N, C-alpha and C. Protein backbone atom coordinates (compact mmCIF):
# COMPACT_ATOMS: atom_id res chain seq x y z
N MET A 1 3.09 -8.48 13.51
CA MET A 1 4.20 -7.71 13.00
C MET A 1 4.09 -7.65 11.48
N HIS A 2 4.34 -6.48 10.93
CA HIS A 2 4.23 -6.26 9.48
C HIS A 2 5.57 -5.83 8.92
N THR A 3 5.74 -5.99 7.62
CA THR A 3 6.95 -5.56 6.93
C THR A 3 6.63 -4.37 6.05
N LEU A 4 7.33 -3.28 6.32
CA LEU A 4 7.19 -2.03 5.58
C LEU A 4 8.47 -1.84 4.76
N ILE A 5 8.32 -1.54 3.47
CA ILE A 5 9.48 -1.24 2.63
C ILE A 5 9.33 0.19 2.13
N VAL A 6 10.33 1.01 2.44
CA VAL A 6 10.32 2.42 2.03
C VAL A 6 11.61 2.73 1.29
N ILE A 7 11.58 3.81 0.52
CA ILE A 7 12.80 4.30 -0.10
C ILE A 7 12.98 5.76 0.27
N LEU A 8 14.19 6.09 0.68
CA LEU A 8 14.56 7.47 0.97
C LEU A 8 15.17 8.08 -0.28
N GLY A 9 14.89 9.36 -0.50
CA GLY A 9 15.48 10.06 -1.63
C GLY A 9 15.75 11.49 -1.27
N ALA A 10 16.84 12.04 -1.81
CA ALA A 10 17.17 13.45 -1.57
C ALA A 10 18.23 13.89 -2.57
N ASN A 11 18.23 15.19 -2.87
CA ASN A 11 19.31 15.75 -3.68
C ASN A 11 19.75 17.13 -3.19
N ARG A 12 19.39 17.47 -1.97
CA ARG A 12 19.79 18.75 -1.38
C ARG A 12 20.24 18.54 0.07
N GLY A 13 21.19 19.37 0.50
CA GLY A 13 21.65 19.33 1.88
C GLY A 13 22.71 18.27 2.09
N ASN A 14 22.97 17.95 3.35
CA ASN A 14 23.92 16.91 3.73
C ASN A 14 23.16 15.58 3.72
N ILE A 15 23.07 14.98 2.58
CA ILE A 15 22.15 13.86 2.34
C ILE A 15 22.49 12.65 3.21
N LEU A 16 23.74 12.27 3.27
CA LEU A 16 24.09 11.07 4.04
C LEU A 16 23.80 11.26 5.52
N GLN A 17 24.02 12.46 6.04
CA GLN A 17 23.67 12.74 7.44
C GLN A 17 22.16 12.72 7.63
N THR A 18 21.44 13.31 6.67
CA THR A 18 19.98 13.29 6.73
C THR A 18 19.47 11.85 6.73
N PHE A 19 20.02 11.00 5.86
CA PHE A 19 19.59 9.60 5.82
C PHE A 19 19.83 8.93 7.18
N GLU A 20 20.97 9.19 7.78
CA GLU A 20 21.27 8.59 9.09
C GLU A 20 20.25 9.06 10.14
N ASN A 21 19.97 10.36 10.13
CA ASN A 21 18.99 10.89 11.08
C ASN A 21 17.60 10.31 10.84
N VAL A 22 17.21 10.20 9.57
CA VAL A 22 15.90 9.64 9.23
C VAL A 22 15.81 8.18 9.66
N ARG A 23 16.87 7.41 9.42
CA ARG A 23 16.86 6.01 9.85
C ARG A 23 16.66 5.91 11.37
N ASN A 24 17.36 6.75 12.13
CA ASN A 24 17.21 6.75 13.58
C ASN A 24 15.78 7.11 13.99
N GLU A 25 15.22 8.13 13.36
CA GLU A 25 13.85 8.54 13.69
C GLU A 25 12.84 7.46 13.31
N MET A 26 13.05 6.82 12.18
CA MET A 26 12.13 5.75 11.77
C MET A 26 12.22 4.58 12.74
N HIS A 27 13.42 4.27 13.19
CA HIS A 27 13.60 3.19 14.16
C HIS A 27 12.81 3.49 15.44
N HIS A 28 12.83 4.74 15.88
CA HIS A 28 12.16 5.11 17.13
C HIS A 28 10.65 5.30 16.98
N THR A 29 10.17 5.63 15.79
CA THR A 29 8.74 5.92 15.65
C THR A 29 7.96 4.88 14.86
N ILE A 30 8.64 4.12 13.98
CA ILE A 30 7.92 3.17 13.13
C ILE A 30 8.25 1.73 13.50
N GLY A 31 9.53 1.41 13.62
CA GLY A 31 9.88 0.03 13.95
C GLY A 31 11.34 -0.26 13.72
N ASN A 32 11.67 -1.53 13.79
CA ASN A 32 13.05 -1.98 13.68
C ASN A 32 13.46 -2.09 12.21
N ILE A 33 14.54 -1.42 11.84
CA ILE A 33 15.07 -1.54 10.48
C ILE A 33 15.86 -2.84 10.42
N ILE A 34 15.35 -3.80 9.65
CA ILE A 34 16.00 -5.11 9.60
C ILE A 34 16.97 -5.23 8.42
N LEU A 35 16.85 -4.35 7.44
CA LEU A 35 17.74 -4.39 6.28
C LEU A 35 17.73 -3.03 5.61
N GLN A 36 18.89 -2.62 5.14
CA GLN A 36 18.97 -1.38 4.36
C GLN A 36 19.87 -1.64 3.16
N SER A 37 19.53 -1.03 2.04
CA SER A 37 20.31 -1.22 0.82
C SER A 37 21.54 -0.33 0.84
N SER A 38 22.37 -0.52 -0.15
CA SER A 38 23.43 0.44 -0.43
C SER A 38 22.76 1.77 -0.76
N VAL A 39 23.54 2.83 -0.74
CA VAL A 39 23.04 4.12 -1.22
C VAL A 39 23.32 4.17 -2.72
N PHE A 40 22.29 4.52 -3.48
CA PHE A 40 22.41 4.62 -4.93
C PHE A 40 22.34 6.08 -5.33
N GLU A 41 23.03 6.41 -6.39
CA GLU A 41 23.04 7.77 -6.93
C GLU A 41 22.42 7.71 -8.32
N SER A 42 21.51 8.66 -8.60
CA SER A 42 20.82 8.61 -9.89
C SER A 42 20.49 10.00 -10.41
N GLU A 43 20.31 10.05 -11.71
CA GLU A 43 19.85 11.27 -12.33
C GLU A 43 18.44 11.56 -11.85
N PRO A 44 18.05 12.83 -11.77
CA PRO A 44 16.67 13.16 -11.39
C PRO A 44 15.68 12.48 -12.31
N TRP A 45 14.55 12.09 -11.74
CA TRP A 45 13.49 11.41 -12.48
C TRP A 45 12.31 12.36 -12.59
N GLY A 46 11.90 12.68 -13.81
CA GLY A 46 10.71 13.50 -14.01
C GLY A 46 10.97 14.99 -14.12
N PHE A 47 12.24 15.43 -13.93
CA PHE A 47 12.58 16.84 -14.10
C PHE A 47 14.10 16.95 -14.25
N ASP A 48 14.56 18.10 -14.72
CA ASP A 48 15.99 18.33 -14.90
C ASP A 48 16.56 19.07 -13.71
N ASP A 49 17.72 18.62 -13.25
CA ASP A 49 18.43 19.28 -12.16
C ASP A 49 19.87 18.81 -12.23
N SER A 50 20.80 19.69 -11.92
CA SER A 50 22.21 19.31 -11.97
C SER A 50 22.63 18.47 -10.77
N HIS A 51 21.83 18.47 -9.71
CA HIS A 51 22.12 17.68 -8.52
C HIS A 51 21.49 16.29 -8.63
N PHE A 52 22.33 15.28 -8.62
CA PHE A 52 21.83 13.91 -8.67
C PHE A 52 21.17 13.56 -7.33
N PHE A 53 20.30 12.56 -7.37
CA PHE A 53 19.62 12.08 -6.17
C PHE A 53 20.39 10.93 -5.55
N PHE A 54 20.27 10.81 -4.24
CA PHE A 54 20.71 9.64 -3.52
C PHE A 54 19.45 8.94 -3.05
N ASN A 55 19.49 7.61 -3.08
CA ASN A 55 18.35 6.80 -2.64
C ASN A 55 18.85 5.64 -1.80
N GLN A 56 18.04 5.26 -0.82
CA GLN A 56 18.34 4.09 0.00
C GLN A 56 17.03 3.43 0.41
N LEU A 57 17.00 2.11 0.27
CA LEU A 57 15.84 1.31 0.63
C LEU A 57 15.97 0.85 2.07
N LEU A 58 14.87 0.89 2.80
CA LEU A 58 14.82 0.39 4.17
C LEU A 58 13.70 -0.64 4.29
N ILE A 59 13.98 -1.73 4.99
CA ILE A 59 12.96 -2.72 5.30
C ILE A 59 12.78 -2.69 6.81
N ILE A 60 11.55 -2.45 7.23
CA ILE A 60 11.25 -2.18 8.63
C ILE A 60 10.14 -3.13 9.10
N THR A 61 10.31 -3.69 10.28
CA THR A 61 9.20 -4.43 10.89
C THR A 61 8.45 -3.45 11.79
N THR A 62 7.13 -3.50 11.72
CA THR A 62 6.33 -2.52 12.44
C THR A 62 5.02 -3.13 12.92
N THR A 63 4.47 -2.53 13.97
CA THR A 63 3.13 -2.88 14.43
C THR A 63 2.13 -1.82 13.99
N LEU A 64 2.62 -0.74 13.37
CA LEU A 64 1.74 0.35 12.93
C LEU A 64 0.96 -0.06 11.69
N SER A 65 -0.19 0.57 11.50
CA SER A 65 -0.97 0.37 10.28
C SER A 65 -0.30 1.11 9.12
N PRO A 66 -0.67 0.81 7.89
CA PRO A 66 -0.10 1.55 6.76
C PRO A 66 -0.31 3.07 6.87
N HIS A 67 -1.49 3.50 7.27
CA HIS A 67 -1.76 4.94 7.38
C HIS A 67 -0.99 5.58 8.54
N GLU A 68 -0.78 4.82 9.63
CA GLU A 68 0.06 5.33 10.71
C GLU A 68 1.51 5.46 10.25
N CYS A 69 1.98 4.52 9.45
CA CYS A 69 3.33 4.60 8.88
C CYS A 69 3.46 5.84 8.00
N LEU A 70 2.45 6.07 7.15
CA LEU A 70 2.47 7.27 6.30
C LEU A 70 2.54 8.53 7.15
N HIS A 71 1.73 8.60 8.18
CA HIS A 71 1.72 9.78 9.06
C HIS A 71 3.11 10.01 9.65
N GLN A 72 3.76 8.96 10.12
CA GLN A 72 5.10 9.09 10.70
C GLN A 72 6.12 9.51 9.63
N CYS A 73 6.03 8.95 8.44
CA CYS A 73 6.94 9.33 7.35
C CYS A 73 6.80 10.81 7.00
N LEU A 74 5.58 11.29 6.91
CA LEU A 74 5.34 12.71 6.60
C LEU A 74 5.87 13.60 7.72
N HIS A 75 5.71 13.17 8.96
CA HIS A 75 6.21 13.93 10.09
C HIS A 75 7.75 14.00 10.04
N ILE A 76 8.39 12.88 9.77
CA ILE A 76 9.86 12.85 9.68
C ILE A 76 10.33 13.74 8.54
N GLU A 77 9.65 13.68 7.40
CA GLU A 77 10.02 14.58 6.30
C GLU A 77 9.96 16.04 6.74
N SER A 78 8.90 16.41 7.43
CA SER A 78 8.74 17.81 7.85
C SER A 78 9.83 18.22 8.84
N LEU A 79 10.30 17.30 9.68
CA LEU A 79 11.39 17.60 10.60
C LEU A 79 12.68 17.96 9.86
N HIS A 80 12.79 17.48 8.63
CA HIS A 80 13.99 17.73 7.83
C HIS A 80 13.75 18.75 6.73
N GLY A 81 12.76 19.60 6.92
CA GLY A 81 12.56 20.72 6.01
C GLY A 81 11.76 20.43 4.76
N ARG A 82 11.17 19.25 4.66
CA ARG A 82 10.38 18.94 3.48
C ARG A 82 9.04 19.64 3.60
N GLU A 83 8.75 20.48 2.63
CA GLU A 83 7.45 21.13 2.57
C GLU A 83 6.75 20.67 1.31
N ARG A 84 5.66 20.00 1.47
CA ARG A 84 4.91 19.55 0.32
C ARG A 84 4.07 20.71 -0.19
N SER A 85 4.23 21.01 -1.46
CA SER A 85 3.52 22.15 -2.04
C SER A 85 2.35 21.66 -2.88
N SER A 86 1.59 22.59 -3.38
CA SER A 86 0.47 22.23 -4.25
C SER A 86 0.96 21.93 -5.65
N PHE A 87 2.24 22.20 -5.92
CA PHE A 87 2.86 21.86 -7.20
C PHE A 87 2.84 20.35 -7.35
N HIS A 88 2.33 19.86 -8.48
CA HIS A 88 2.16 18.41 -8.66
C HIS A 88 3.22 17.79 -9.56
N GLY A 89 4.38 18.42 -9.65
CA GLY A 89 5.47 17.86 -10.42
C GLY A 89 6.58 17.40 -9.49
N TYR A 90 7.70 17.05 -10.07
CA TYR A 90 8.85 16.62 -9.29
C TYR A 90 9.78 17.79 -9.10
N GLU A 91 10.43 17.84 -7.93
CA GLU A 91 11.34 18.94 -7.62
C GLU A 91 12.42 18.47 -6.66
N SER A 92 13.47 19.28 -6.52
CA SER A 92 14.54 18.98 -5.59
C SER A 92 13.99 18.93 -4.17
N ARG A 93 14.68 18.16 -3.31
CA ARG A 93 14.20 18.05 -1.92
C ARG A 93 15.31 17.60 -0.99
N THR A 94 15.12 17.96 0.27
CA THR A 94 16.07 17.53 1.31
C THR A 94 15.79 16.10 1.74
N ILE A 95 14.55 15.66 1.63
CA ILE A 95 14.20 14.26 1.94
C ILE A 95 12.84 13.93 1.35
N ASP A 96 12.74 12.71 0.90
CA ASP A 96 11.47 12.16 0.43
C ASP A 96 11.44 10.73 0.94
N ILE A 97 10.34 10.35 1.54
CA ILE A 97 10.17 8.98 2.02
C ILE A 97 8.94 8.41 1.33
N ASP A 98 9.17 7.45 0.46
CA ASP A 98 8.06 6.81 -0.25
C ASP A 98 7.85 5.41 0.29
N ILE A 99 6.59 5.11 0.62
CA ILE A 99 6.22 3.74 1.00
C ILE A 99 6.05 2.95 -0.29
N LEU A 100 6.81 1.87 -0.41
CA LEU A 100 6.73 1.03 -1.61
C LEU A 100 5.79 -0.14 -1.39
N TYR A 101 6.00 -0.85 -0.28
CA TYR A 101 5.20 -2.03 0.04
C TYR A 101 4.90 -2.06 1.53
N TYR A 102 3.78 -2.68 1.86
CA TYR A 102 3.41 -2.98 3.25
C TYR A 102 2.90 -4.41 3.21
N ASP A 103 3.74 -5.34 3.66
CA ASP A 103 3.48 -6.76 3.46
C ASP A 103 3.19 -6.96 1.97
N SER A 104 2.16 -7.69 1.66
CA SER A 104 1.73 -7.83 0.25
C SER A 104 0.38 -7.19 0.05
N GLN A 105 0.09 -6.21 0.88
CA GLN A 105 -1.22 -5.55 0.83
C GLN A 105 -1.35 -4.64 -0.39
N ILE A 106 -2.59 -4.49 -0.81
CA ILE A 106 -2.94 -3.55 -1.87
C ILE A 106 -3.88 -2.53 -1.24
N ILE A 107 -3.46 -1.27 -1.27
CA ILE A 107 -4.24 -0.18 -0.67
C ILE A 107 -4.37 0.93 -1.70
N ASP A 108 -5.57 1.40 -1.90
CA ASP A 108 -5.80 2.52 -2.81
C ASP A 108 -6.80 3.46 -2.16
N SER A 109 -6.26 4.38 -1.36
CA SER A 109 -7.11 5.35 -0.68
C SER A 109 -6.78 6.74 -1.19
N GLU A 110 -7.48 7.73 -0.68
CA GLU A 110 -7.22 9.11 -1.08
C GLU A 110 -5.81 9.56 -0.74
N THR A 111 -5.27 9.04 0.35
CA THR A 111 -3.98 9.51 0.84
C THR A 111 -2.84 8.52 0.65
N LEU A 112 -3.14 7.28 0.30
CA LEU A 112 -2.09 6.27 0.25
C LEU A 112 -2.38 5.22 -0.81
N THR A 113 -1.36 4.95 -1.64
CA THR A 113 -1.44 3.88 -2.64
C THR A 113 -0.27 2.94 -2.42
N ILE A 114 -0.60 1.69 -2.12
CA ILE A 114 0.41 0.64 -1.93
C ILE A 114 -0.03 -0.57 -2.75
N PRO A 115 0.87 -1.16 -3.54
CA PRO A 115 2.25 -0.76 -3.73
C PRO A 115 2.34 0.59 -4.45
N HIS A 116 3.49 1.23 -4.28
CA HIS A 116 3.71 2.52 -4.93
C HIS A 116 3.48 2.33 -6.43
N PRO A 117 2.71 3.22 -7.06
CA PRO A 117 2.31 2.98 -8.45
C PRO A 117 3.42 3.05 -9.50
N TYR A 118 4.60 3.56 -9.17
CA TYR A 118 5.64 3.71 -10.19
C TYR A 118 6.86 2.82 -9.97
N ILE A 119 6.78 1.86 -9.08
CA ILE A 119 7.93 0.98 -8.81
C ILE A 119 8.51 0.43 -10.10
N GLN A 120 7.68 -0.13 -10.94
CA GLN A 120 8.13 -0.83 -12.14
C GLN A 120 8.75 0.10 -13.18
N ASN A 121 8.58 1.42 -13.02
CA ASN A 121 9.10 2.38 -13.99
C ASN A 121 10.40 3.04 -13.56
N ARG A 122 10.88 2.76 -12.37
CA ARG A 122 12.00 3.51 -11.80
C ARG A 122 13.17 2.60 -11.44
N LYS A 123 14.22 2.71 -12.21
CA LYS A 123 15.41 1.90 -11.96
C LYS A 123 16.04 2.23 -10.61
N PHE A 124 15.95 3.51 -10.18
CA PHE A 124 16.54 3.89 -8.89
C PHE A 124 15.79 3.27 -7.71
N VAL A 125 14.60 2.78 -7.94
CA VAL A 125 13.85 2.05 -6.92
C VAL A 125 14.09 0.54 -7.06
N LEU A 126 14.10 0.07 -8.29
CA LEU A 126 14.24 -1.37 -8.52
C LEU A 126 15.62 -1.91 -8.16
N LEU A 127 16.68 -1.16 -8.41
CA LEU A 127 18.01 -1.67 -8.07
C LEU A 127 18.16 -1.94 -6.57
N PRO A 128 17.77 -1.01 -5.68
CA PRO A 128 17.85 -1.35 -4.26
C PRO A 128 16.88 -2.47 -3.85
N LEU A 129 15.71 -2.54 -4.49
CA LEU A 129 14.79 -3.64 -4.20
C LEU A 129 15.42 -4.98 -4.58
N VAL A 130 16.05 -5.02 -5.74
CA VAL A 130 16.69 -6.26 -6.19
C VAL A 130 17.86 -6.61 -5.28
N GLU A 131 18.58 -5.60 -4.79
CA GLU A 131 19.67 -5.87 -3.86
C GLU A 131 19.16 -6.52 -2.57
N CYS A 132 18.01 -6.09 -2.09
CA CYS A 132 17.50 -6.54 -0.78
C CYS A 132 16.47 -7.66 -0.86
N VAL A 133 15.54 -7.58 -1.78
CA VAL A 133 14.44 -8.57 -1.85
C VAL A 133 14.14 -8.94 -3.30
N PRO A 134 15.10 -9.54 -4.00
CA PRO A 134 14.92 -9.79 -5.44
C PRO A 134 13.73 -10.68 -5.78
N ASP A 135 13.34 -11.57 -4.87
CA ASP A 135 12.26 -12.52 -5.16
C ASP A 135 10.90 -12.10 -4.60
N PHE A 136 10.84 -10.91 -3.98
CA PHE A 136 9.56 -10.44 -3.46
C PHE A 136 8.62 -10.16 -4.64
N ILE A 137 7.41 -10.68 -4.55
CA ILE A 137 6.45 -10.57 -5.66
C ILE A 137 5.56 -9.34 -5.48
N HIS A 138 5.54 -8.52 -6.52
CA HIS A 138 4.66 -7.35 -6.56
C HIS A 138 3.22 -7.88 -6.52
N PRO A 139 2.42 -7.46 -5.54
CA PRO A 139 1.09 -8.06 -5.37
C PRO A 139 0.09 -7.77 -6.48
N ILE A 140 0.33 -6.77 -7.28
CA ILE A 140 -0.58 -6.49 -8.40
C ILE A 140 -0.04 -7.06 -9.71
N LEU A 141 1.23 -6.78 -9.99
CA LEU A 141 1.83 -7.20 -11.26
C LEU A 141 2.24 -8.67 -11.26
N GLN A 142 2.30 -9.28 -10.07
CA GLN A 142 2.65 -10.70 -9.91
C GLN A 142 3.99 -11.05 -10.57
N LYS A 143 4.95 -10.15 -10.38
CA LYS A 143 6.32 -10.37 -10.86
C LYS A 143 7.28 -10.07 -9.72
N THR A 144 8.43 -10.76 -9.73
CA THR A 144 9.44 -10.47 -8.73
C THR A 144 10.10 -9.12 -9.05
N GLN A 145 10.83 -8.61 -8.09
CA GLN A 145 11.55 -7.35 -8.31
C GLN A 145 12.60 -7.53 -9.41
N LEU A 146 13.20 -8.70 -9.46
CA LEU A 146 14.17 -9.01 -10.50
C LEU A 146 13.52 -8.99 -11.88
N GLU A 147 12.33 -9.55 -11.98
CA GLU A 147 11.60 -9.54 -13.26
C GLU A 147 11.18 -8.12 -13.64
N LEU A 148 10.78 -7.33 -12.63
CA LEU A 148 10.40 -5.94 -12.91
C LEU A 148 11.60 -5.15 -13.42
N LEU A 149 12.77 -5.37 -12.83
CA LEU A 149 13.97 -4.67 -13.27
C LEU A 149 14.33 -5.07 -14.70
N ALA A 150 14.22 -6.34 -15.02
CA ALA A 150 14.55 -6.81 -16.37
C ALA A 150 13.64 -6.18 -17.42
N ALA A 151 12.40 -5.87 -17.03
CA ALA A 151 11.43 -5.28 -17.98
C ALA A 151 11.42 -3.75 -17.95
N CYS A 152 12.13 -3.15 -17.01
CA CYS A 152 12.09 -1.69 -16.83
C CYS A 152 12.73 -0.98 -18.02
N THR A 153 12.07 0.06 -18.51
CA THR A 153 12.57 0.82 -19.66
C THR A 153 13.25 2.13 -19.26
N ASP A 154 13.41 2.36 -17.97
CA ASP A 154 14.08 3.57 -17.47
C ASP A 154 15.55 3.53 -17.89
N THR A 155 16.01 4.54 -18.62
CA THR A 155 17.38 4.57 -19.12
C THR A 155 18.28 5.53 -18.34
N ARG A 156 17.77 6.12 -17.26
CA ARG A 156 18.59 7.04 -16.47
C ARG A 156 19.72 6.30 -15.78
N LYS A 157 20.84 7.00 -15.60
CA LYS A 157 22.00 6.40 -14.94
C LYS A 157 21.74 6.24 -13.46
N VAL A 158 22.01 5.04 -12.96
CA VAL A 158 21.90 4.74 -11.53
C VAL A 158 23.13 3.91 -11.17
N LYS A 159 23.83 4.31 -10.10
CA LYS A 159 25.00 3.54 -9.67
C LYS A 159 25.07 3.56 -8.15
N LYS A 160 25.75 2.55 -7.61
CA LYS A 160 25.98 2.53 -6.17
C LYS A 160 26.91 3.69 -5.82
N HIS A 161 26.58 4.36 -4.76
CA HIS A 161 27.40 5.49 -4.30
C HIS A 161 28.51 4.94 -3.41
N ASN A 162 29.72 5.37 -3.66
CA ASN A 162 30.85 4.96 -2.83
C ASN A 162 30.92 5.84 -1.62
N ILE A 163 30.50 5.31 -0.48
CA ILE A 163 30.48 6.10 0.75
C ILE A 163 31.86 6.09 1.38
């Protein structure tokens, strides 16, 4: 059994309903969700948009390989209207599922990089990580999530969303 940590993100559509649907689909195709963070609301990262993003961290136990997990995440995104374009910037979306960690493995392939390369730069990722697994050690940077948050220079507003 492996531990997969993903973060959901969206700023278009009925986001909370989409998150609920995605959690159900992930439970049926990837594994058991053993912990989920609060929903956080944040300013867009990497581009300007008047619609703030919602994010939620999920911790899932799975028997799938990292690449099988990626395949399932991409499939779930497509079910919710996510179309990945050749555009290599950031843009609004109905759903984004990013794999952050898979156990403490380090993977750098053409299609998958684990841990996610920008964890330490994104407060909207670090706050839910600290809420759920503050002492988990980043396998490359050798720092806890709490230490990464303390060193993070991201100044964008991030707050817990009142559901």
